[in-house]
C-alpha atoms as a PDB file:
ATOM      1  CA  UNK A   1       0.000   0.000   0.000  1.00  0.00           C
ATOM      2  CA  UNK A   2       1.236   3.537  -0.762  1.00  0.00           C
ATOM      3  CA  UNK A   3       0.045   7.118  -0.766  1.00  0.00           C
ATOM      4  CA  UNK A   4      -0.171   8.235  -4.402  1.00  0.00           C
ATOM      5  CA  UNK A   5       0.791  11.842  -5.142  1.00  0.00           C
ATOM      6  CA  UNK A   6       0.663  13.633  -8.493  1.00  0.00           C
ATOM      7  CA  UNK A   7       2.215  17.035  -9.226  1.00  0.00           C
ATOM      8  CA  UNK A   8       2.499  19.422 -12.153  1.00  0.00           C
ATOM      9  CA  UNK A   9       5.680  20.827 -13.656  1.00  0.00           C
ATOM     10  CA  UNK A  10       7.107  23.625 -11.545  1.00  0.00           C
ATOM     11  CA  UNK A  11       6.461  21.826  -8.241  1.00  0.00           C
ATOM     12  CA  UNK A  12       9.452  20.261  -6.460  1.00  0.00           C
ATOM     13  CA  UNK A  13       8.084  17.811  -3.867  1.00  0.00           C
ATOM     14  CA  UNK A  14      11.474  16.423  -2.731  1.00  0.00           C
ATOM     15  CA  UNK A  15      11.438  18.056   0.723  1.00  0.00           C
ATOM     16  CA  UNK A  16       8.000  16.643   1.484  1.00  0.00           C
ATOM     17  CA  UNK A  17       9.019  13.199   0.214  1.00  0.00           C
ATOM     18  CA  UNK A  18      11.990  13.212   2.594  1.00  0.00           C
ATOM     19  CA  UNK A  19       9.875  14.390   5.527  1.00  0.00           C
ATOM     20  CA  UNK A  20       7.212  11.776   4.805  1.00  0.00           C
ATOM     21  CA  UNK A  21       9.757   8.940   4.465  1.00  0.00           C
ATOM     22  CA  UNK A  22      11.172   9.760   7.896  1.00  0.00           C
ATOM     23  CA  UNK A  23       7.771  10.134   9.508  1.00  0.00           C
ATOM     24  CA  UNK A  24       5.806   7.325   7.867  1.00  0.00           C
ATOM     25  CA  UNK A  25       8.130   4.523   6.664  1.00  0.00           C
ATOM     26  CA  UNK A  26       5.120   2.197   6.874  1.00  0.00           C
ATOM     27  CA  UNK A  27       3.319   4.070   4.069  1.00  0.00           C
ATOM     28  CA  UNK A  28       5.538   4.839   1.029  1.00  0.00           C
ATOM     29  CA  UNK A  29       4.748   7.978  -0.953  1.00  0.00           C
ATOM     30  CA  UNK A  30       4.580   7.427  -4.707  1.00  0.00           C
ATOM     31  CA  UNK A  31       5.077  10.744  -6.512  1.00  0.00           C
ATOM     32  CA  UNK A  32       4.642  11.179 -10.267  1.00  0.00           C
ATOM     33  CA  UNK A  33       4.674  14.310 -12.394  1.00  0.00           C
ATOM     34  CA  UNK A  34       1.707  14.835 -14.702  1.00  0.00           C
ATOM     35  CA  UNK A  35       0.962  17.239 -17.548  1.00  0.00           C
ATOM     36  CA  UNK A  36      -1.122  20.234 -16.522  1.00  0.00           C
ATOM     37  CA  UNK A  37      -4.048  19.499 -18.885  1.00  0.00           C
ATOM     38  CA  UNK A  38      -4.383  16.109 -17.132  1.00  0.00           C
ATOM     39  CA  UNK A  39      -3.588  17.268 -13.614  1.00  0.00           C
ATOM     40  CA  UNK A  40      -6.891  16.059 -12.147  1.00  0.00           C
ATOM     41  CA  UNK A  41      -7.399  12.970 -14.322  1.00  0.00           C
ATOM     42  CA  UNK A  42      -5.880  10.306 -12.066  1.00  0.00           C
ATOM     43  CA  UNK A  43      -7.149  11.986  -8.902  1.00  0.00           C
ATOM     44  CA  UNK A  44     -10.771  11.967 -10.051  1.00  0.00           C
ATOM     45  CA  UNK A  45     -10.427   8.426 -11.386  1.00  0.00           C
ATOM     46  CA  UNK A  46      -9.245   7.207  -7.985  1.00  0.00           C
ATOM     47  CA  UNK A  47      -5.759   6.347  -9.256  1.00  0.00           C
ATOM     48  CA  UNK A  48      -4.148   9.070  -7.115  1.00  0.00           C
ATOM     49  CA  UNK A  49      -4.817  10.231  -3.558  1.00  0.00           C
ATOM     50  CA  UNK A  50      -3.504  13.806  -3.630  1.00  0.00           C
ATOM     51  CA  UNK A  51      -2.227  16.241  -6.232  1.00  0.00           C
ATOM     52  CA  UNK A  52      -0.347  19.502  -6.459  1.00  0.00           C
ATOM     53  CA  UNK A  53      -2.188  21.374  -9.214  1.00  0.00           C
ATOM     54  CA  UNK A  54      -2.077  24.782 -10.835  1.00  0.00           C
ATOM     55  CA  UNK A  55      -5.193  26.878 -10.283  1.00  0.00           C
ATOM     56  CA  UNK A  56      -7.839  27.517 -11.455  1.00  0.00           C
ATOM     57  CA  UNK A  57      -9.551  24.123 -11.514  1.00  0.00           C
ATOM     58  CA  UNK A  58     -13.041  22.673 -11.311  1.00  0.00           C
ATOM     59  CA  UNK A  59     -13.055  21.944  -7.572  1.00  0.00           C
ATOM     60  CA  UNK A  60     -16.372  20.113  -7.340  1.00  0.00           C
ATOM     61  CA  UNK A  61     -15.963  17.188  -4.946  1.00  0.00           C
ATOM     62  CA  UNK A  62     -12.459  18.281  -3.937  1.00  0.00           C
ATOM     63  CA  UNK A  63     -10.784  19.787  -0.924  1.00  0.00           C
ATOM     64  CA  UNK A  64      -8.440  22.586  -2.029  1.00  0.00           C
ATOM     65  CA  UNK A  65      -5.616  24.265  -0.084  1.00  0.00           C
ATOM     66  CA  UNK A  66      -4.078  27.148  -2.080  1.00  0.00           C
ATOM     67  CA  UNK A  67      -0.342  27.348  -1.395  1.00  0.00           C
ATOM     68  CA  UNK A  68       2.228  29.606  -3.056  1.00  0.00           C
ATOM     69  CA  UNK A  69       2.019  32.005  -5.981  1.00  0.00           C
ATOM     70  CA  UNK A  70       4.217  31.782  -9.064  1.00  0.00           C
ATOM     71  CA  UNK A  71       5.713  34.807 -10.818  1.00  0.00           C
ATOM     72  CA  UNK A  72       5.117  34.940 -14.582  1.00  0.00           C
ATOM     73  CA  UNK A  73       8.157  35.193 -16.853  1.00  0.00           C
ATOM     74  CA  UNK A  74       8.577  35.931 -20.538  1.00  0.00           C
ATOM     75  CA  UNK A  75      10.730  33.285 -22.233  1.00  0.00           C
ATOM     76  CA  UNK A  76      12.679  34.893 -25.072  1.00  0.00           C
ATOM     77  CA  UNK A  77      15.412  33.810 -27.502  1.00  0.00           C
ATOM     78  CA  UNK A  78      18.836  34.654 -26.096  1.00  0.00           C
ATOM     79  CA  UNK A  79      19.488  37.134 -28.922  1.00  0.00           C
ATOM     80  CA  UNK A  80      16.189  39.014 -28.415  1.00  0.00           C
ATOM     81  CA  UNK A  81      16.353  42.783 -27.932  1.00  0.00           C
ATOM     82  CA  UNK A  82      14.895  42.390 -24.416  1.00  0.00           C
ATOM     83  CA  UNK A  83      17.157  39.496 -23.411  1.00  0.00           C
ATOM     84  CA  UNK A  84      19.272  41.661 -21.079  1.00  0.00           C
ATOM     85  CA  UNK A  85      16.329  43.293 -19.297  1.00  0.00           C
ATOM     86  CA  UNK A  86      15.954  42.687 -15.568  1.00  0.00           C
ATOM     87  CA  UNK A  87      12.165  43.051 -15.753  1.00  0.00           C
ATOM     88  CA  UNK A  88       9.492  43.629 -18.389  1.00  0.00           C
ATOM     89  CA  UNK A  89       5.927  44.930 -18.504  1.00  0.00           C
ATOM     90  CA  UNK A  90       3.109  43.568 -20.634  1.00  0.00           C
ATOM     91  CA  UNK A  91       3.227  46.783 -22.669  1.00  0.00           C
ATOM     92  CA  UNK A  92       6.771  45.906 -23.727  1.00  0.00           C
ATOM     93  CA  UNK A  93       5.544  42.713 -25.350  1.00  0.00           C
ATOM     94  CA  UNK A  94       2.394  43.961 -27.076  1.00  0.00           C
ATOM     95  CA  UNK A  95       3.967  44.162 -30.526  1.00  0.00           C
ATOM     96  CA  UNK A  96       6.171  41.074 -30.132  1.00  0.00           C
ATOM     97  CA  UNK A  97       5.196  37.823 -31.856  1.00  0.00           C
ATOM     98  CA  UNK A  98       4.084  35.110 -29.478  1.00  0.00           C
ATOM     99  CA  UNK A  99       5.211  31.514 -30.030  1.00  0.00           C
ATOM    100  CA  UNK A 100       2.470  28.891 -30.533  1.00  0.00           C
ATOM    101  CA  UNK A 101       1.616  27.539 -27.080  1.00  0.00           C
ATOM    102  CA  UNK A 102       1.890  23.755 -26.715  1.00  0.00           C
ATOM    103  CA  UNK A 103       0.454  21.406 -24.095  1.00  0.00           C
ATOM    104  CA  UNK A 104       4.025  20.371 -23.299  1.00  0.00           C
ATOM    105  CA  UNK A 105       5.917  23.436 -21.976  1.00  0.00           C
ATOM    106  CA  UNK A 106       9.188  21.931 -23.190  1.00  0.00           C
ATOM    107  CA  UNK A 107       7.881  22.115 -26.751  1.00  0.00           C
ATOM    108  CA  UNK A 108       6.772  25.714 -26.236  1.00  0.00           C
ATOM    109  CA  UNK A 109      10.299  26.598 -25.106  1.00  0.00           C
ATOM    110  CA  UNK A 110      11.641  24.696 -28.114  1.00  0.00           C
ATOM    111  CA  UNK A 111       9.586  26.919 -30.405  1.00  0.00           C
ATOM    112  CA  UNK A 112      10.859  30.032 -28.627  1.00  0.00           C
ATOM    113  CA  UNK A 113      14.431  28.851 -29.134  1.00  0.00           C
ATOM    114  CA  UNK A 114      13.640  28.297 -32.821  1.00  0.00           C
ATOM    115  CA  UNK A 115      12.738  31.980 -33.169  1.00  0.00           C
ATOM    116  CA  UNK A 116       8.958  31.688 -33.553  1.00  0.00           C
ATOM    117  CA  UNK A 117       8.262  34.230 -30.794  1.00  0.00           C
ATOM    118  CA  UNK A 118       8.120  34.558 -27.016  1.00  0.00           C
ATOM    119  CA  UNK A 119       6.136  32.626 -24.398  1.00  0.00           C
ATOM    120  CA  UNK A 120       4.666  33.374 -20.985  1.00  0.00           C
ATOM    121  CA  UNK A 121       5.274  30.671 -18.363  1.00  0.00           C
ATOM    122  CA  UNK A 122       5.242  30.350 -14.576  1.00  0.00           C
ATOM    123  CA  UNK A 123       8.746  30.857 -13.282  1.00  0.00           C
ATOM    124  CA  UNK A 124       9.032  27.301 -11.931  1.00  0.00           C
ATOM    125  CA  UNK A 125       8.080  25.809 -15.301  1.00  0.00           C
ATOM    126  CA  UNK A 126      10.510  28.037 -17.185  1.00  0.00           C
ATOM    127  CA  UNK A 127      13.280  27.071 -14.775  1.00  0.00           C
ATOM    128  CA  UNK A 128      12.519  23.379 -15.241  1.00  0.00           C
ATOM    129  CA  UNK A 129      12.828  23.706 -19.023  1.00  0.00           C
ATOM    130  CA  UNK A 130      15.717  26.160 -19.073  1.00  0.00           C
ATOM    131  CA  UNK A 131      18.032  26.061 -22.077  1.00  0.00           C
ATOM    132  CA  UNK A 132      21.163  27.982 -22.948  1.00  0.00           C
ATOM    133  CA  UNK A 133      19.547  29.525 -26.015  1.00  0.00           C
ATOM    134  CA  UNK A 134      16.646  31.180 -24.164  1.00  0.00           C
ATOM    135  CA  UNK A 135      16.224  33.585 -21.249  1.00  0.00           C
ATOM    136  CA  UNK A 136      13.369  34.068 -18.763  1.00  0.00           C
ATOM    137  CA  UNK A 137      12.544  37.650 -17.725  1.00  0.00           C
ATOM    138  CA  UNK A 138       9.992  38.441 -14.952  1.00  0.00           C
ATOM    139  CA  UNK A 139       6.924  40.331 -16.181  1.00  0.00           C
ATOM    140  CA  UNK A 140       5.995  42.713 -13.366  1.00  0.00           C
ATOM    141  CA  UNK A 141       2.321  43.283 -14.188  1.00  0.00           C
ATOM    142  CA  UNK A 142       1.417  39.829 -15.518  1.00  0.00           C
ATOM    143  CA  UNK A 143      -1.130  37.762 -13.612  1.00  0.00           C
ATOM    144  CA  UNK A 144       0.431  35.293 -11.216  1.00  0.00           C
ATOM    145  CA  UNK A 145      -0.516  31.638 -11.037  1.00  0.00           C
ATOM    146  CA  UNK A 146      -0.981  29.619  -7.869  1.00  0.00           C
ATOM    147  CA  UNK A 147      -0.243  26.058  -6.784  1.00  0.00           C
ATOM    148  CA  UNK A 148      -2.722  24.172  -4.590  1.00  0.00           C
ATOM    149  CA  UNK A 149      -2.882  20.808  -2.851  1.00  0.00           C
ATOM    150  CA  UNK A 150      -6.114  18.937  -3.606  1.00  0.00           C
ATOM    151  CA  UNK A 151      -7.739  15.621  -2.726  1.00  0.00           C
ATOM    152  CA  UNK A 152     -11.180  14.039  -3.041  1.00  0.00           C
ATOM    153  CA  UNK A 153     -13.789  14.681  -0.384  1.00  0.00           C
ATOM    154  CA  UNK A 154     -14.499  10.952  -0.021  1.00  0.00           C
ATOM    155  CA  UNK A 155     -10.773  10.205   0.390  1.00  0.00           C
ATOM    156  CA  UNK A 156     -10.280  12.307   3.501  1.00  0.00           C
ATOM    157  CA  UNK A 157      -8.686  10.201   6.249  1.00  0.00           C
ATOM    158  CA  UNK A 158      -5.874  10.350   8.791  1.00  0.00           C
ATOM    159  CA  UNK A 159      -3.182   9.539   6.222  1.00  0.00           C
ATOM    160  CA  UNK A 160      -4.314  12.357   3.950  1.00  0.00           C
ATOM    161  CA  UNK A 161      -4.502  14.778   6.850  1.00  0.00           C
ATOM    162  CA  UNK A 162      -1.021  13.806   7.999  1.00  0.00           C
ATOM    163  CA  UNK A 163       0.416  14.609   4.573  1.00  0.00           C
ATOM    164  CA  UNK A 164      -1.475  17.910   4.594  1.00  0.00           C
ATOM    165  CA  UNK A 165       0.219  18.580   7.918  1.00  0.00           C
ATOM    166  CA  UNK A 166       3.634  17.881   6.398  1.00  0.00           C
ATOM    167  CA  UNK A 167       2.981  20.355   3.576  1.00  0.00           C
ATOM    168  CA  UNK A 168       1.700  22.993   5.982  1.00  0.00           C
ATOM    169  CA  UNK A 169       4.737  22.630   8.219  1.00  0.00           C
ATOM    170  CA  UNK A 170       3.271  20.794  11.205  1.00  0.00           C
ATOM    171  CA  UNK A 171       5.815  18.699  13.103  1.00  0.00           C
ATOM    172  CA  UNK A 172       5.354  15.020  13.896  1.00  0.00           C
ATOM    173  CA  UNK A 173       4.642  15.962  17.537  1.00  0.00           C
ATOM    174  CA  UNK A 174       1.830  18.376  16.681  1.00  0.00           C
ATOM    175  CA  UNK A 175      -1.763  17.206  16.403  1.00  0.00           C
ATOM    176  CA  UNK A 176      -2.829  15.403  13.255  1.00  0.00           C
ATOM    177  CA  UNK A 177      -6.379  16.364  13.999  1.00  0.00           C
ATOM    178  CA  UNK A 178      -7.950  19.766  13.749  1.00  0.00           C
ATOM    179  CA  UNK A 179     -10.652  18.741  11.331  1.00  0.00           C
ATOM    180  CA  UNK A 180     -10.730  18.616   7.577  1.00  0.00           C
ATOM    181  CA  UNK A 181      -8.772  21.228   5.675  1.00  0.00           C
ATOM    182  CA  UNK A 182     -10.986  23.581   3.741  1.00  0.00           C
ATOM    183  CA  UNK A 183     -10.548  25.990   0.858  1.00  0.00           C
ATOM    184  CA  UNK A 184      -9.801  28.966   3.033  1.00  0.00           C
ATOM    185  CA  UNK A 185      -6.165  28.926   2.021  1.00  0.00           C
ATOM    186  CA  UNK A 186      -2.917  27.645   3.454  1.00  0.00           C
ATOM    187  CA  UNK A 187       0.816  27.892   3.284  1.00  0.00           C
ATOM    188  CA  UNK A 188       3.516  25.282   2.890  1.00  0.00           C
ATOM    189  CA  UNK A 189       5.847  27.295   5.143  1.00  0.00           C
ATOM    190  CA  UNK A 190       6.241  26.538   8.839  1.00  0.00           C
ATOM    191  CA  UNK A 191       4.142  28.799  11.016  1.00  0.00           C
ATOM    192  CA  UNK A 192       5.986  31.387  13.091  1.00  0.00           C
ATOM    193  CA  UNK A 193       6.287  30.706  16.843  1.00  0.00           C
ATOM    194  CA  UNK A 194       3.588  32.364  18.870  1.00  0.00           C
ATOM    195  CA  UNK A 195       4.411  35.480  20.867  1.00  0.00           C
ATOM    196  CA  UNK A 196       4.910  35.120  24.618  1.00  0.00           C
ATOM    197  CA  UNK A 197       1.825  35.391  26.810  1.00  0.00           C
ATOM    198  CA  UNK A 198       0.856  38.703  28.346  1.00  0.00           C
ATOM    199  CA  UNK A 199       1.948  37.410  31.758  1.00  0.00           C
ATOM    200  CA  UNK A 200       5.492  36.546  30.700  1.00  0.00           C
ATOM    201  CA  UNK A 201       5.804  39.833  28.804  1.00  0.00           C
ATOM    202  CA  UNK A 202       4.743  41.659  31.962  1.00  0.00           C
ATOM    203  CA  UNK A 203       7.361  39.821  34.049  1.00  0.00           C
ATOM    204  CA  UNK A 204      10.104  40.625  31.561  1.00  0.00           C
ATOM    205  CA  UNK A 205       9.011  44.312  31.423  1.00  0.00           C
ATOM    206  CA  UNK A 206       8.989  44.645  35.190  1.00  0.00           C
ATOM    207  CA  UNK A 207      12.411  43.023  35.440  1.00  0.00           C
ATOM    208  CA  UNK A 208      13.811  45.342  32.763  1.00  0.00           C
ATOM    209  CA  UNK A 209      12.410  48.432  34.505  1.00  0.00           C
ATOM    210  CA  UNK A 210      13.893  47.285  37.798  1.00  0.00           C
ATOM    211  CA  UNK A 211      17.315  46.761  36.189  1.00  0.00           C
ATOM    212  CA  UNK A 212      17.187  50.174  34.527  1.00  0.00           C
ATOM    213  CA  UNK A 213      16.222  51.887  37.771  1.00  0.00           C
ATOM    214  CA  UNK A 214      19.012  50.128  39.713  1.00  0.00           C
ATOM    215  CA  UNK A 215      21.667  51.271  37.246  1.00  0.00           C
ATOM    216  CA  UNK A 216      20.357  54.777  36.658  1.00  0.00           C
ATOM    217  CA  UNK A 217      22.653  56.508  39.138  1.00  0.00           C
ATOM    218  CA  UNK A 218      25.901  54.936  37.920  1.00  0.00           C
ATOM    219  CA  UNK A 219      24.674  55.158  34.324  1.00  0.00           C
ATOM    220  CA  UNK A 220      24.161  58.916  34.643  1.00  0.00           C
ATOM    221  CA  UNK A 221      27.766  59.400  35.734  1.00  0.00           C
ATOM    222  CA  UNK A 222      29.045  57.266  32.848  1.00  0.00           C
ATOM    223  CA  UNK A 223      26.936  59.187  30.312  1.00  0.00           C
ATOM    224  CA  UNK A 224      28.313  62.478  31.594  1.00  0.00           C
ATOM    225  CA  UNK A 225      31.840  61.158  31.195  1.00  0.00           C
ATOM    226  CA  UNK A 226      31.108  59.953  27.662  1.00  0.00           C
ATOM    227  CA  UNK A 227      29.638  63.350  26.670  1.00  0.00           C
ATOM    228  CA  UNK A 228      32.726  65.123  27.938  1.00  0.00           C
ATOM    229  CA  UNK A 229      34.985  62.769  26.037  1.00  0.00           C
ATOM    230  CA  UNK A 230      32.915  63.177  22.862  1.00  0.00           C
ATOM    231  CA  UNK A 231      33.202  66.973  23.067  1.00  0.00           C
ATOM    232  CA  UNK A 232      36.933  66.648  23.387  1.00  0.00           C
ATOM    233  CA  UNK A 233      37.131  64.540  20.226  1.00  0.00           C
ATOM    234  CA  UNK A 234      35.101  66.906  17.993  1.00  0.00           C
ATOM    235  CA  UNK A 235      36.916  68.896  15.373  1.00  0.00           C
ATOM    236  CA  UNK A 236      35.370  71.705  13.415  1.00  0.00           C
ATOM    237  CA  UNK A 237      31.969  71.085  14.962  1.00  0.00           C
ATOM    238  CA  UNK A 238      31.805  67.491  13.556  1.00  0.00           C
ATOM    239  CA  UNK A 239      32.282  64.173  15.202  1.00  0.00           C
ATOM    240  CA  UNK A 240      35.119  62.068  13.926  1.00  0.00           C
END
């Protein structure tokens, strides 16, 4: 038995595979990349348990956790007039010929390299299919895409929730419960530690005030000495 994961180009699941292997050696994770047009095919057919997909999708019957956004880049031939630009705007590309878009991004990049035009791709996809004869330039005002983790409503059990926890940064010692994830959004990054309670902040503040008050007398003498020394070091009205 294994947990079957599918992911689109531009997603690098290695860190989650390593975390899962250490946490659940009893349940291997089988990860396979799929083409974006077919990103939900195996999941809906029951041949996959979870999938990293690129939004938007038809989410009927699915739980969806939006994760990170992807910057859009313009893929251009290396000898293009804009090839040395650090950033472009959509207006820069209005009069440029666009390469025929293919279902396989690698073929789209191949057409760009052949001089048929430029292509717009998510940064992760362009990086995956990078070649020496093309460049990828961020397009500042282009719409961003977003990656999400999805699974079927009827396939929502403890194993699924544990993998969701791995993606969302929960440790093996934190609760696997907390209910079913919903479509309110999420983040694959570890949550920041919570701030100290009001009580502990109050204790630290009181302690700090006490320390400052205790040293105020001696501190005043030291400050006076430092000011006198600073005045002696000034030249021409400026500090050295």
